[in-house]
Every structure is written in structure tokens, then in C-alpha cells.
Amino acid sequence: MQNFEFYCPVKLIFGKGTQGQIGQEIKPYAKKVLLHYGGGSIKKSGLFDTVVKSLKDNGIEYVELGGVQPNPVLSLVHKGIDICRKENVDLVLAVGGGSAIDSAKAIALGMFYDGDVWDYFEKGMPVEKVLPVAVILTIPAAGSEMSTASVVTHEEKLLKYGYNSPKLYPIVAITNPELFFTLPKEQLAYGVADMMAHVFERYFTQTKNSDLMDGMCEATLKTLMKNGLIAKRDFKNYEAWAELGFAGSIAHNNLLGMGREEDWSSHDMQMQLSAHNDKIAHGAGLAVVFPAWMEYVYEENINMFVQFAVKVMGVDDSFRDPEAIVLEGINRLREFFKKMGLPSTITECGVNFSDDELEEMAKKVTKVPFGEEKPVGSFKKLYWQDVLAIYKSVK
């Protein structure tokens, strides 16, 4: 086990009816907020009215910025920064899923910076000051409600990058699983794949003697799989959604990676896929990429993958043939994703990339266009040729 520090200052408020508490929770931090959300479903559902009432009851003014789309874009972030400066906003309140939260964090990140906020994403600069962010979660998936990360797409450059800083932890996150009942059905599958991927990036490690985190990762994965299937059969099952909602927060609040080296190459690969074509939902892309990554790297530490196959995927086979156990575990993962209605190839996402496009994306993943290649991942370092091979295996 490696040395580590764990810091997660987010106040998580979880359960039925909790969205009405937002005003009293953020009152100590803000007199005026930017209310940031997606396509307007929060108005149809009545959530918008509940939030506005809570703000008004606590003497908090608000300005609106809707229009967040899946794979949030830089142009809307720029617009949000301009609004916050013009209106002297004290806090960004994201009402939505990971895209709205990530966009809100990017706005908070750029508020006090004289340059283009994209500099943080492209150059990884440290940040000194940000606006506080608060969250009402409507989609359990990205885990951004309890994470340090923001991911944004630069539409003109066709680049999608993430930025991490402890300063981007939300001050409060409210999760009422009842709000998930009105989601489009495909969002359940995308969310489960996304949450599982957050665990996978931490679980598959070359770090030894990390038994507690191994067990917590395995329990989280099994919880997600079990309750994902329950919610698919019974979409308004509160208990299943509650398990999924809490597991999603645990999957990405950094706890599961403590004391171990993390990977994140699969996320890097997926982000360029959706940067080049936003038809590829984040969770769908991860469902395609992750099993392919597993097949490409498992020989680097076959015992780790045997453990996954046995303890998570329930493979019961002869330990005299560990490779057969591993491949069966990966096959069962693909079968689970299929049961959830997820794709297994890029083509099944509704996109056909040429080999030249795949090569361009592979080079972007490893920063080749910026003059010096930086391999991704830690379980096995991947160069652009490796990334291209993985892309082609699921073309």
C-alpha cells in the first residue's frame, strides 16, 4: 500500500425530499447564485420551482443558465463566466447530472482567471481561487457531485480534457433518488457503466497489499451490477436507485483509490471518442472501451484479473488455466453490459470512424499533437499505437 491523503469536504445530503433544503444549505455562502442546468427537464418535473422557492425563502437571488448538453462544451462555460462576472454571482448551483456539474465547476474555475479557462484543462495549471459550487443531483453516473474533477469539450479543437483540483469539491451535494425516476431509460445503463468505470480505474492496479480497497471496490461493483438490473426491470424502485446513487458517489470521491496507483487510460480513450462525435454517450463509450482495454493489458498482471473474474463476475473454473478465467470474466462483463442495453463496438454507438480518424484520436489521447508523446495509464503504459490497436479492436 502506498502513502496517501484522503480529503473529501463535500456535505452529502441524501434521501427523499432533500432538494428543498438547498436554500438553507447555501445561504452562508451566497446572496446570489448562477442556477445552471441542462435542457429544461427540471422545469417540466417541478424541480426548478422547488429550487427557486427554497432560494427565495432564504433570501437568495439567482440568474439562470440552461443549455448544458452531454459532453459539456467550452462555449457555454465562457458564457457562464461572463454572466457570473456581470451579475456578481457568489456561487454556482448545478441542478442536473455530471455534465451540468462539470460545466458549473469549469465556470467556477474560470471566474477569477484573466485568461481562457481552457488553459487549465490543456496545461494543467494550478488554480488559486474558484467560486464555490453546490449540486442537486438528477442523474447518478459521473460522481462529479463528490469529486475534484471537471471534464469539458473544446468544440473547435475537438478535444475533451479533464481538470482536477481539491478546490473543485462542491460544498454541498443533495441526492434524492426519487429525482431519478423521470430519467430517459438509456441513462440508467450509461450511468451504471460510468460508475463501474470509475471503480475499474482504481481497482485494476499494480499496487500490492491493498486488501481493504480491493474489497470495497468489489463490493461497489457488485452493488452497481445487482441494482442496475433491478432498476432496469422496475424503473421506479427507490431502494435500487438509492443504492446506485450512493455507490456512484463512493465510486468517484477518491476513497476507493486510496493507497493504490490508479490508471485512467480508458477514460482518456473514451473522452476523445466523444470529443470527435457527441453521439457517443460517455457511459456507452466506456462500455465499449473498458473490456477491450482489459483484453489488451491483462497479461501485465493476470492475477489481478483472475481476482476480478472470480470475486466480481462469479467465474468458477480451474485455477490451472488462469487465462481462461480472465477471458470468461471479461466476456461476462460484456454480457452484463449487453443486458443493460449498452453497445460493445463503436459502430453500435451509431458512429463509423475511419482508420485515419482513429489514429488522429489515438495521438490526441497521448498528446502527440502537442510535440511530446505522453503515454497514458499505469497498469500498462499505452502509447498512441496501443490506443489505436484498442480502438480498432472495437471499431
Protein backbone atom coordinates (compact mmCIF):
# COMPACT_ATOMS: atom_id res chain seq x y z
CA MET A 1 0.00 0.00 0.00
CA GLN A 2 1.25 3.46 -0.91
CA ASN A 3 1.23 6.55 1.31
CA PHE A 4 -1.91 8.61 0.82
CA GLU A 5 -4.01 11.55 1.95
CA PHE A 6 -7.79 11.46 1.91
CA TYR A 7 -9.74 14.70 1.86
CA CYS A 8 -13.38 14.99 0.84
CA PRO A 9 -15.09 18.06 2.35
CA VAL A 10 -18.41 17.63 0.49
CA LYS A 11 -21.52 17.65 2.67
CA LEU A 12 -23.72 14.91 1.19
CA ILE A 13 -27.42 15.19 1.94
CA PHE A 14 -29.20 12.04 0.82
CA GLY A 15 -32.83 10.95 0.74
CA LYS A 16 -36.43 11.76 -0.10
CA GLY A 17 -37.47 15.40 -0.30
CA THR A 18 -33.99 16.74 0.39
CA GLN A 19 -33.89 19.06 -2.66
CA GLY A 20 -35.94 21.60 -0.70
CA GLN A 21 -33.03 22.12 1.70
CA ILE A 22 -30.75 23.73 -0.86
CA GLY A 23 -31.50 27.33 0.09
CA GLN A 24 -30.68 26.94 3.78
CA GLU A 25 -27.55 24.96 2.93
CA ILE A 26 -26.00 27.57 0.66
CA LYS A 27 -27.28 30.68 2.48
CA PRO A 28 -23.99 31.10 4.42
CA TYR A 29 -22.06 31.19 1.14
CA ALA A 30 -24.15 33.21 -1.28
CA LYS A 31 -26.55 36.08 -1.74
CA LYS A 32 -26.75 35.49 -5.49
CA VAL A 33 -26.22 32.28 -7.47
CA LEU A 34 -25.97 31.11 -11.03
CA LEU A 35 -28.58 28.38 -11.45
CA HIS A 36 -27.03 26.08 -14.05
CA TYR A 37 -28.89 23.19 -15.68
CA GLY A 38 -29.45 21.24 -18.88
CA GLY A 39 -32.25 21.09 -21.39
CA GLY A 40 -35.16 22.17 -19.24
CA SER A 41 -36.45 18.87 -17.86
CA ILE A 42 -36.09 20.29 -14.35
CA LYS A 43 -38.84 22.78 -15.23
CA LYS A 44 -41.18 20.11 -16.57
CA SER A 45 -40.68 17.94 -13.48
CA GLY A 46 -41.29 20.75 -10.99
CA LEU A 47 -37.77 20.57 -9.57
CA PHE A 48 -36.96 24.06 -10.83
CA ASP A 49 -39.89 25.56 -8.90
CA THR A 50 -38.84 23.72 -5.72
CA VAL A 51 -35.29 25.02 -6.01
CA VAL A 52 -36.36 28.60 -6.76
CA LYS A 53 -38.76 28.60 -3.79
CA SER A 54 -36.01 27.36 -1.49
CA LEU A 55 -33.68 30.08 -2.74
CA LYS A 56 -36.28 32.83 -2.34
CA ASP A 57 -37.30 31.62 1.12
CA ASN A 58 -33.67 32.08 2.16
CA GLY A 59 -33.22 35.48 0.55
CA ILE A 60 -31.00 34.26 -2.27
CA GLU A 61 -31.21 35.84 -5.73
CA TYR A 62 -30.49 33.82 -8.84
CA VAL A 63 -29.71 34.14 -12.54
CA GLU A 64 -30.23 31.25 -14.93
CA LEU A 65 -28.06 29.49 -17.47
CA GLY A 66 -29.55 26.40 -19.06
CA GLY A 67 -28.49 24.54 -22.15
CA VAL A 68 -25.87 22.16 -20.79
CA GLN A 69 -25.58 19.21 -23.14
CA PRO A 70 -23.99 15.80 -22.69
CA ASN A 71 -20.24 16.29 -23.05
CA PRO A 72 -20.40 19.93 -21.79
CA VAL A 73 -18.84 22.47 -24.12
CA LEU A 74 -16.39 25.30 -23.62
CA SER A 75 -18.56 27.94 -25.31
CA LEU A 76 -21.28 27.58 -22.67
CA VAL A 77 -18.65 27.71 -19.93
CA HIS A 78 -17.41 31.01 -21.37
CA LYS A 79 -20.99 32.31 -21.33
CA GLY A 80 -21.41 31.27 -17.70
CA ILE A 81 -18.20 33.00 -16.65
CA ASP A 82 -19.36 36.22 -18.32
CA ILE A 83 -22.73 36.05 -16.54
CA CYS A 84 -21.12 35.41 -13.15
CA ARG A 85 -18.81 38.39 -13.54
CA LYS A 86 -21.53 40.72 -14.80
CA GLU A 87 -24.04 39.69 -12.12
CA ASN A 88 -21.53 39.45 -9.22
CA VAL A 89 -22.52 35.86 -8.53
CA ASP A 90 -21.27 34.25 -5.30
CA LEU A 91 -21.86 30.57 -6.10
CA VAL A 92 -22.71 28.24 -8.99
CA LEU A 93 -25.63 25.90 -8.28
CA ALA A 94 -25.70 22.92 -10.65
CA VAL A 95 -29.01 21.08 -10.95
CA GLY A 96 -28.52 18.02 -13.10
CA GLY A 97 -26.08 15.22 -13.77
CA GLY A 98 -22.37 15.10 -14.40
CA SER A 99 -22.46 17.38 -17.43
CA ALA A 100 -24.18 20.22 -15.58
CA ILE A 101 -21.88 19.76 -12.59
CA ASP A 102 -18.73 19.65 -14.69
CA SER A 103 -19.83 22.75 -16.58
CA ALA A 104 -20.56 24.51 -13.28
CA LYS A 105 -17.11 23.62 -11.97
CA ALA A 106 -15.47 24.95 -15.12
CA ILE A 107 -17.36 28.22 -14.73
CA ALA A 108 -16.23 28.40 -11.10
CA LEU A 109 -12.68 27.65 -12.24
CA GLY A 110 -12.59 30.48 -14.77
CA MET A 111 -14.29 33.16 -12.70
CA PHE A 112 -11.12 34.71 -11.29
CA TYR A 113 -8.73 33.91 -14.14
CA ASP A 114 -7.78 36.62 -16.64
CA GLY A 115 -7.04 34.18 -19.45
CA ASP A 116 -9.09 31.46 -21.13
CA VAL A 117 -10.33 28.83 -18.66
CA TRP A 118 -9.31 26.21 -21.26
CA ASP A 119 -5.71 26.87 -20.20
CA TYR A 120 -6.39 24.89 -17.03
CA PHE A 121 -7.61 21.88 -18.99
CA GLU A 122 -4.89 21.99 -21.66
CA LYS A 123 -1.92 22.95 -19.47
CA GLY A 124 -2.88 21.57 -16.05
CA MET A 125 -2.07 24.82 -14.26
CA PRO A 126 -2.69 25.12 -10.50
CA VAL A 127 -5.67 27.23 -9.50
CA GLU A 128 -5.64 29.74 -6.65
CA LYS A 129 -9.30 30.74 -6.29
CA VAL A 130 -12.64 29.45 -7.54
CA LEU A 131 -16.29 30.18 -6.95
CA PRO A 132 -17.98 27.73 -4.60
CA VAL A 133 -20.19 25.10 -6.26
CA ALA A 134 -23.27 23.34 -4.91
CA VAL A 135 -25.16 20.46 -6.51
CA ILE A 136 -28.60 18.90 -6.73
CA LEU A 137 -28.04 15.58 -8.46
CA THR A 138 -30.58 14.31 -11.00
CA ILE A 139 -28.52 11.55 -12.69
CA PRO A 140 -26.27 9.11 -10.81
CA ALA A 141 -23.33 8.46 -13.10
CA ALA A 142 -20.40 10.85 -13.24
CA GLY A 143 -19.83 11.11 -9.49
CA SER A 144 -18.94 14.76 -10.04
CA GLU A 145 -21.10 15.70 -7.05
CA MET A 146 -18.31 14.45 -4.75
CA SER A 147 -15.23 14.68 -6.95
CA THR A 148 -12.42 17.11 -7.70
CA ALA A 149 -12.85 16.77 -11.46
CA SER A 150 -14.38 18.73 -14.30
CA VAL A 151 -14.42 17.48 -17.90
CA VAL A 152 -15.11 19.86 -20.79
CA THR A 153 -15.09 19.61 -24.59
CA HIS A 154 -13.43 22.23 -26.78
CA GLU A 155 -15.75 22.09 -29.77
CA GLU A 156 -13.42 23.81 -32.23
CA LYS A 157 -10.32 21.76 -31.41
CA LEU A 158 -12.28 18.51 -30.99
CA LEU A 159 -10.59 17.91 -27.65
CA LYS A 160 -12.10 16.69 -24.41
CA TYR A 161 -9.97 17.03 -21.27
CA GLY A 162 -10.42 16.83 -17.55
CA TYR A 163 -9.06 19.06 -14.82
CA ASN A 164 -8.65 18.10 -11.16
CA SER A 165 -8.25 20.27 -8.09
CA PRO A 166 -9.42 19.90 -4.46
CA LYS A 167 -10.79 23.41 -4.84
CA LEU A 168 -13.46 21.99 -7.15
CA TYR A 169 -15.09 19.85 -4.48
CA PRO A 170 -18.70 21.06 -4.16
CA ILE A 171 -19.54 22.46 -0.75
CA VAL A 172 -22.80 20.54 -0.62
CA ALA A 173 -24.39 17.82 -2.75
CA ILE A 174 -28.05 16.87 -2.45
CA THR A 175 -29.19 13.48 -3.74
CA ASN A 176 -32.84 12.44 -3.74
CA PRO A 177 -33.16 9.13 -5.61
CA GLU A 178 -36.80 9.95 -6.41
CA LEU A 179 -35.48 12.53 -8.90
CA PHE A 180 -34.03 9.69 -10.97
CA PHE A 181 -37.46 8.20 -11.75
CA THR A 182 -38.08 10.52 -14.72
CA LEU A 183 -34.76 9.85 -16.45
CA PRO A 184 -34.73 8.52 -20.01
CA LYS A 185 -34.31 4.75 -19.75
CA GLU A 186 -30.94 4.74 -21.52
CA GLN A 187 -29.47 7.00 -18.82
CA LEU A 188 -29.66 4.13 -16.34
CA ALA A 189 -27.39 1.98 -18.50
CA TYR A 190 -25.00 4.85 -19.26
CA GLY A 191 -24.83 5.73 -15.58
CA VAL A 192 -24.10 2.19 -14.41
CA ALA A 193 -21.30 1.83 -16.96
CA ASP A 194 -19.82 5.19 -15.96
CA MET A 195 -19.90 4.38 -12.25
CA MET A 196 -18.37 0.95 -12.81
CA ALA A 197 -15.64 2.54 -14.92
CA HIS A 198 -14.76 4.90 -12.06
CA VAL A 199 -14.22 1.86 -9.88
CA PHE A 200 -12.30 -0.04 -12.57
CA GLU A 201 -9.81 2.83 -12.98
CA ARG A 202 -8.92 2.43 -9.32
CA TYR A 203 -9.37 -1.31 -8.94
CA PHE A 204 -7.02 -2.51 -11.66
CA THR A 205 -3.68 -1.59 -10.18
CA GLN A 206 -0.15 -2.88 -9.91
CA THR A 207 -0.08 -1.82 -6.24
CA LYS A 208 0.12 -4.82 -3.92
CA ASN A 209 -1.23 -5.30 -0.38
CA SER A 210 -4.32 -3.15 -0.74
CA ASP A 211 -6.85 -5.66 0.54
CA LEU A 212 -9.34 -3.21 2.06
CA MET A 213 -9.63 -1.14 -1.11
CA ASP A 214 -9.84 -4.33 -3.21
CA GLY A 215 -12.81 -5.46 -1.14
CA MET A 216 -14.52 -2.06 -1.22
CA CYS A 217 -14.09 -1.82 -5.00
CA GLU A 218 -15.51 -5.33 -5.46
CA ALA A 219 -18.49 -4.61 -3.20
CA THR A 220 -19.22 -1.37 -5.06
CA LEU A 221 -19.07 -3.10 -8.45
CA LYS A 222 -21.41 -5.89 -7.34
CA THR A 223 -23.80 -3.33 -5.84
CA LEU A 224 -23.91 -1.42 -9.12
CA MET A 225 -24.50 -4.55 -11.20
CA LYS A 226 -27.17 -6.00 -8.94
CA ASN A 227 -29.15 -2.80 -8.56
CA GLY A 228 -28.68 -1.74 -12.17
CA LEU A 229 -30.56 -4.84 -13.27
CA ILE A 230 -33.24 -4.31 -10.61
CA ALA A 231 -33.82 -0.71 -11.73
CA LYS A 232 -33.94 -1.82 -15.35
CA ARG A 233 -36.78 -4.20 -14.51
CA ASP A 234 -38.52 -1.82 -12.09
CA PHE A 235 -37.60 1.73 -13.03
CA LYS A 236 -39.22 3.38 -10.01
CA ASN A 237 -37.66 1.09 -7.42
CA TYR A 238 -36.48 3.62 -4.83
CA GLU A 239 -34.18 1.25 -2.98
CA ALA A 240 -32.35 0.22 -6.15
CA TRP A 241 -31.86 3.84 -7.18
CA ALA A 242 -30.71 4.72 -3.66
CA GLU A 243 -28.03 2.04 -3.84
CA LEU A 244 -26.97 3.27 -7.27
CA GLY A 245 -26.93 6.92 -6.21
CA PHE A 246 -24.78 6.35 -3.14
CA ALA A 247 -22.49 3.88 -4.93
CA GLY A 248 -21.93 6.47 -7.66
CA SER A 249 -20.72 8.99 -5.10
CA ILE A 250 -18.46 6.46 -3.39
CA ALA A 251 -17.10 5.35 -6.76
CA HIS A 252 -15.67 8.79 -7.52
CA ASN A 253 -15.00 10.64 -4.26
CA ASN A 254 -11.40 9.31 -4.28
CA LEU A 255 -11.93 6.90 -1.36
CA LEU A 256 -11.59 3.73 -3.45
CA GLY A 257 -8.21 4.75 -4.82
CA MET A 258 -6.50 5.38 -1.51
CA GLY A 259 -3.09 3.74 -1.20
CA ARG A 260 -3.02 2.44 -4.76
CA GLU A 261 -1.85 3.61 -8.17
CA GLU A 262 -4.77 4.40 -10.47
CA ASP A 263 -4.94 4.01 -14.26
CA TRP A 264 -7.46 6.27 -16.13
CA SER A 265 -6.34 5.37 -19.65
CA SER A 266 -9.80 4.08 -20.58
CA HIS A 267 -11.36 7.41 -19.66
CA ASP A 268 -8.72 9.20 -21.74
CA MET A 269 -9.56 7.00 -24.70
CA GLN A 270 -13.30 7.43 -24.35
CA MET A 271 -13.09 11.20 -24.00
CA GLN A 272 -11.54 11.58 -27.43
CA LEU A 273 -14.22 9.37 -28.97
CA SER A 274 -17.00 11.62 -27.69
CA ALA A 275 -14.99 14.77 -28.44
CA HIS A 276 -14.98 13.72 -32.11
CA ASN A 277 -18.62 12.67 -32.12
CA ASP A 278 -21.05 13.60 -29.35
CA LYS A 279 -23.39 10.78 -30.39
CA ILE A 280 -21.17 8.60 -28.20
CA ALA A 281 -22.52 9.00 -24.68
CA HIS A 282 -19.81 8.82 -22.03
CA GLY A 283 -21.15 5.65 -20.41
CA ALA A 284 -21.71 3.97 -23.77
CA GLY A 285 -18.16 4.72 -24.84
CA LEU A 286 -16.77 3.34 -21.60
CA ALA A 287 -18.79 0.14 -22.03
CA VAL A 288 -17.08 -0.28 -25.40
CA VAL A 289 -13.55 0.70 -24.38
CA PHE A 290 -13.12 -0.95 -20.98
CA PRO A 291 -13.49 -4.64 -21.92
CA ALA A 292 -11.21 -4.01 -24.90
CA TRP A 293 -8.62 -2.41 -22.61
CA MET A 294 -8.88 -5.41 -20.28
CA GLU A 295 -8.15 -7.83 -23.13
CA TYR A 296 -5.16 -5.72 -24.17
CA VAL A 297 -3.48 -5.38 -20.75
CA TYR A 298 -4.42 -8.36 -18.58
CA GLU A 299 -1.13 -10.19 -19.13
CA GLU A 300 0.65 -7.37 -17.26
CA ASN A 301 -0.86 -8.73 -14.03
CA ILE A 302 -3.01 -11.75 -14.71
CA ASN A 303 -3.65 -12.39 -11.01
CA MET A 304 -5.46 -9.05 -10.69
CA PHE A 305 -7.80 -10.06 -13.48
CA VAL A 306 -8.33 -13.55 -12.07
CA GLN A 307 -9.39 -11.88 -8.83
CA PHE A 308 -11.86 -9.69 -10.72
CA ALA A 309 -13.27 -12.61 -12.68
CA VAL A 310 -13.80 -14.73 -9.56
CA LYS A 311 -14.83 -12.17 -6.95
CA VAL A 312 -16.87 -9.78 -9.10
CA MET A 313 -18.04 -11.75 -12.12
CA GLY A 314 -18.50 -15.06 -10.29
CA VAL A 315 -16.34 -17.21 -12.55
CA ASP A 316 -15.86 -20.70 -11.10
CA ASP A 317 -13.27 -22.53 -13.15
CA SER A 318 -9.97 -24.36 -12.85
CA PHE A 319 -7.16 -22.21 -11.48
CA ARG A 320 -4.81 -24.33 -13.59
CA ASP A 321 -5.90 -22.12 -16.51
CA PRO A 322 -5.90 -18.50 -15.25
CA GLU A 323 -6.16 -17.07 -18.76
CA ALA A 324 -9.44 -18.90 -19.36
CA ILE A 325 -10.79 -17.47 -16.09
CA VAL A 326 -9.78 -13.95 -17.10
CA LEU A 327 -11.32 -14.16 -20.56
CA GLU A 328 -14.54 -15.59 -19.14
CA GLY A 329 -14.69 -12.71 -16.66
CA ILE A 330 -14.30 -10.15 -19.45
CA ASN A 331 -16.92 -11.98 -21.51
CA ARG A 332 -19.34 -11.89 -18.57
CA LEU A 333 -18.75 -8.15 -18.21
CA ARG A 334 -19.64 -7.65 -21.86
CA GLU A 335 -22.74 -9.80 -21.35
CA PHE A 336 -23.78 -7.67 -18.37
CA PHE A 337 -23.38 -4.51 -20.40
CA LYS A 338 -25.45 -6.12 -23.16
CA LYS A 339 -28.23 -6.93 -20.65
CA MET A 340 -28.22 -3.27 -19.65
CA GLY A 341 -28.67 -2.32 -23.31
CA LEU A 342 -25.14 -0.99 -23.85
CA PRO A 343 -23.05 -1.25 -27.04
CA SER A 344 -19.93 -3.36 -27.44
CA THR A 345 -18.49 -1.61 -30.51
CA ILE A 346 -18.12 1.95 -31.74
CA THR A 347 -20.38 1.13 -34.68
CA GLU A 348 -23.13 0.10 -32.25
CA CYS A 349 -22.90 3.64 -30.84
CA GLY A 350 -24.08 4.83 -34.25
CA VAL A 351 -20.69 6.12 -35.39
CA ASN A 352 -18.28 4.93 -38.07
CA PHE A 353 -14.76 6.32 -37.74
CA SER A 354 -12.17 5.82 -40.44
CA ASP A 355 -8.77 4.37 -39.54
CA ASP A 356 -7.27 7.83 -40.10
CA GLU A 357 -9.73 9.36 -37.61
CA LEU A 358 -8.94 6.67 -35.07
CA GLU A 359 -5.24 7.35 -35.50
CA GLU A 360 -5.81 11.09 -35.01
CA MET A 361 -7.72 10.40 -31.78
CA ALA A 362 -5.09 7.94 -30.54
CA LYS A 363 -2.43 10.59 -30.97
CA LYS A 364 -4.56 13.18 -29.15
CA VAL A 365 -5.00 10.77 -26.24
CA THR A 366 -1.22 10.62 -25.82
CA LYS A 367 -0.65 14.33 -26.57
CA VAL A 368 1.37 13.70 -29.76
CA PRO A 369 -0.05 16.86 -31.43
CA PHE A 370 1.47 18.95 -28.64
CA GLY A 371 5.01 17.96 -29.52
CA GLU A 372 5.88 15.30 -26.97
CA GLU A 373 4.12 11.98 -26.52
CA LYS A 374 2.88 11.22 -23.02
CA PRO A 375 1.74 7.62 -22.60
CA VAL A 376 -1.46 7.12 -20.63
CA GLY A 377 -2.26 4.64 -17.89
CA SER A 378 -0.24 2.99 -15.17
CA PHE A 379 -1.38 -0.65 -15.22
CA LYS A 380 0.28 -0.75 -18.65
CA LYS A 381 1.62 2.40 -20.25
CA LEU A 382 -0.14 2.94 -23.56
CA TYR A 383 1.39 4.81 -26.46
CA TRP A 384 -0.60 6.00 -29.46
CA GLN A 385 -0.07 2.72 -31.30
CA ASP A 386 -1.52 0.85 -28.29
CA VAL A 387 -4.51 3.17 -28.14
CA LEU A 388 -5.07 2.73 -31.87
CA ALA A 389 -4.96 -1.06 -31.51
CA ILE A 390 -7.64 -0.90 -28.78
CA TYR A 391 -9.80 1.42 -30.89
CA LYS A 392 -9.52 -0.87 -33.90
CA SER A 393 -10.42 -3.94 -31.84
CA VAL A 394 -13.87 -2.42 -31.15
CA LYS A 395 -14.34 -0.45 -34.36
